[in-house]
Protein backbone atom coordinates (compact mmCIF):
# COMPACT_ATOMS: atom_id res chain seq x y z
CA MET A 1 20.04 -17.35 -52.59
CA ALA A 2 22.42 -15.21 -50.56
CA ARG A 3 23.12 -15.99 -46.79
CA ARG A 4 21.11 -13.63 -44.74
CA ASN A 5 21.43 -12.24 -41.26
CA VAL A 6 18.74 -10.30 -39.21
CA TYR A 7 20.06 -7.65 -36.55
CA ARG A 8 17.37 -6.79 -33.99
CA MET A 9 17.00 -3.49 -31.88
CA ARG A 10 14.87 -0.81 -30.34
CA ILE A 11 15.31 2.80 -31.86
CA ALA A 12 16.58 4.89 -28.75
CA PHE A 13 15.01 8.75 -28.00
CA SER A 14 18.85 9.62 -29.21
CA ASP A 15 18.33 8.07 -32.63
CA CYS A 16 15.78 10.60 -33.16
CA ASP A 17 15.97 14.43 -34.56
CA PRO A 18 13.41 17.36 -33.22
CA ALA A 19 10.64 15.92 -35.18
CA GLN A 20 10.99 12.86 -33.15
CA ILE A 21 11.61 11.03 -36.43
CA VAL A 22 15.19 8.56 -36.81
CA PHE A 23 18.04 10.69 -37.96
CA PHE A 24 18.75 9.84 -41.40
CA ALA A 25 22.54 9.48 -40.78
CA ASN A 26 21.37 6.64 -38.09
CA TYR A 27 20.51 3.99 -40.53
CA PHE A 28 24.51 4.50 -41.81
CA LYS A 29 25.75 3.52 -38.21
CA TRP A 30 22.96 0.66 -38.08
CA PHE A 31 23.92 -0.61 -41.47
CA ASP A 32 27.93 -0.99 -40.36
CA THR A 33 26.67 -2.50 -37.21
CA SER A 34 24.55 -5.01 -38.82
CA SER A 35 27.44 -5.50 -41.56
CA ARG A 36 29.92 -6.81 -38.48
CA GLU A 37 26.80 -9.13 -37.17
CA PHE A 38 26.68 -10.57 -40.47
CA PHE A 39 30.13 -11.78 -40.56
CA THR A 40 29.78 -12.37 -36.91
CA ALA A 41 26.77 -14.57 -37.66
CA CYS A 42 29.27 -16.47 -40.95
CA GLY A 43 32.21 -17.38 -38.16
CA VAL A 44 34.48 -14.60 -38.80
CA PRO A 45 36.57 -13.52 -36.33
CA SER A 46 36.68 -10.14 -34.64
CA TRP A 47 38.52 -7.49 -36.71
CA ARG A 48 40.81 -7.29 -33.88
CA ASP A 49 41.66 -10.91 -34.42
CA THR A 50 42.31 -11.03 -38.20
CA THR A 51 44.54 -7.96 -37.78
CA ALA A 52 46.42 -9.93 -35.12
CA GLU A 53 46.46 -13.13 -37.37
CA ARG A 54 46.11 -11.92 -41.09
CA GLY A 55 46.64 -8.12 -40.84
CA ILE A 56 42.83 -7.37 -42.35
CA ILE A 57 41.77 -4.52 -39.93
CA GLY A 58 38.11 -5.21 -41.44
CA THR A 59 36.12 -3.88 -44.42
CA PRO A 60 35.76 0.10 -44.89
CA LEU A 61 33.22 1.47 -46.69
CA VAL A 62 34.19 2.84 -50.34
CA ASP A 63 30.55 3.90 -51.18
CA ALA A 64 26.94 4.22 -49.52
CA GLN A 65 23.75 4.42 -50.57
CA ALA A 66 20.23 4.74 -49.01
CA SER A 67 16.62 5.02 -49.83
CA PHE A 68 14.39 6.54 -47.17
CA ARG A 69 10.68 4.57 -47.52
CA ASN A 70 8.84 5.17 -44.25
CA SER A 71 9.77 7.21 -41.10
CA ALA A 72 10.38 5.38 -37.73
CA THR A 73 10.36 6.92 -33.98
CA TYR A 74 11.77 6.11 -30.68
CA GLY A 75 10.42 2.81 -28.75
CA GLU A 76 9.69 1.18 -32.02
CA ASP A 77 11.42 -2.41 -32.75
CA ILE A 78 13.05 -2.82 -35.81
CA GLU A 79 15.26 -5.01 -37.59
CA ILE A 80 17.73 -4.65 -40.27
CA GLU A 81 18.09 -7.91 -42.81
CA SER A 82 21.70 -7.74 -44.41
CA TRP A 83 23.21 -9.94 -47.28
CA ILE A 84 25.96 -9.93 -49.39
CA GLU A 85 24.72 -9.33 -53.06
CA GLU A 86 27.95 -9.57 -55.14
CA TRP A 87 31.53 -10.92 -54.20
CA ARG A 88 34.36 -9.12 -56.37
CA GLY A 89 38.01 -9.49 -56.11
CA LYS A 90 38.84 -7.16 -53.43
CA SER A 91 35.23 -5.56 -52.94
CA PHE A 92 31.60 -6.88 -52.52
CA VAL A 93 28.30 -5.17 -52.38
CA MET A 94 26.28 -5.69 -49.42
CA ARG A 95 22.59 -4.55 -49.19
CA HIS A 96 20.01 -4.08 -46.08
CA VAL A 97 16.66 -3.46 -45.49
CA ALA A 98 15.45 -1.69 -42.38
CA ARG A 99 11.87 -3.07 -41.52
CA ARG A 100 9.09 -2.38 -38.80
CA GLY A 101 7.13 -5.18 -39.07
CA ASP A 102 6.27 -5.52 -42.78
CA THR A 103 7.05 -1.92 -43.36
CA VAL A 104 10.24 -1.23 -45.06
CA LEU A 105 11.86 1.98 -43.62
CA CYS A 106 14.99 1.58 -45.35
CA GLU A 107 17.10 0.12 -47.99
CA GLY A 108 21.12 0.60 -48.16
CA ARG A 109 23.38 -0.56 -50.33
CA GLU A 110 27.05 -0.42 -49.46
CA VAL A 111 30.52 -1.30 -51.48
CA ARG A 112 33.09 -2.39 -49.17
CA VAL A 113 36.93 -3.74 -49.07
CA PHE A 114 38.88 -5.82 -47.37
CA ALA A 115 41.77 -3.96 -46.05
CA MET A 116 45.20 -4.05 -44.19
CA GLN A 117 47.66 -1.40 -43.28
CA ASP A 118 49.56 0.03 -46.16
CA PRO A 119 53.28 -1.24 -45.41
CA GLU A 120 54.87 1.83 -47.33
CA ASN A 121 52.43 4.56 -45.39
CA PRO A 122 51.57 3.20 -42.13
CA LEU A 123 49.01 6.05 -42.09
CA ARG A 124 47.37 4.47 -45.09
CA ILE A 125 45.12 1.35 -45.72
CA ARG A 126 45.07 -0.67 -48.84
CA ALA A 127 42.37 -3.09 -50.41
CA VAL A 128 43.33 -6.86 -50.40
CA PRO A 129 41.99 -9.88 -52.22
CA ILE A 130 38.84 -11.06 -50.12
CA PRO A 131 39.97 -14.59 -48.13
CA GLU A 132 38.35 -17.33 -49.81
CA ASP A 133 37.80 -19.09 -46.62
CA ILE A 134 35.72 -15.86 -45.47
CA ARG A 135 33.78 -15.64 -48.52
CA ALA A 136 33.14 -19.37 -48.57
CA ALA A 137 31.94 -18.91 -44.85
CA CYS A 138 29.60 -16.17 -45.78
CA ALA A 139 28.23 -17.72 -48.96
């Protein structure tokens, strides 16, 4: 079984649309936060530190999908369970499940890459092979 991390939060009024349900894009924001929280729980240094030490600026998103199962509103406590479903050479697939208690609210799938500034064009980034020590720490 893959290593998992749970990120807990309370939905704010500002997270909701005029119908007082969570605006869909917030799930992607929360999945992004949960992704970084996963790496933190695995002992991976901040992206600021990996940039300084290795040139790795983080794990940019290259694909994102979500299935919205149930609604949620402000004041509710939710948790987002995250894990890496598949490791590839330069990319990985991360899964997220947002829940309110036993109720699944949203399921997400992301494909991310480890990246650094492109030395030939500093305005661009490029994917790099996933560092083995990071992969091992997150297994």
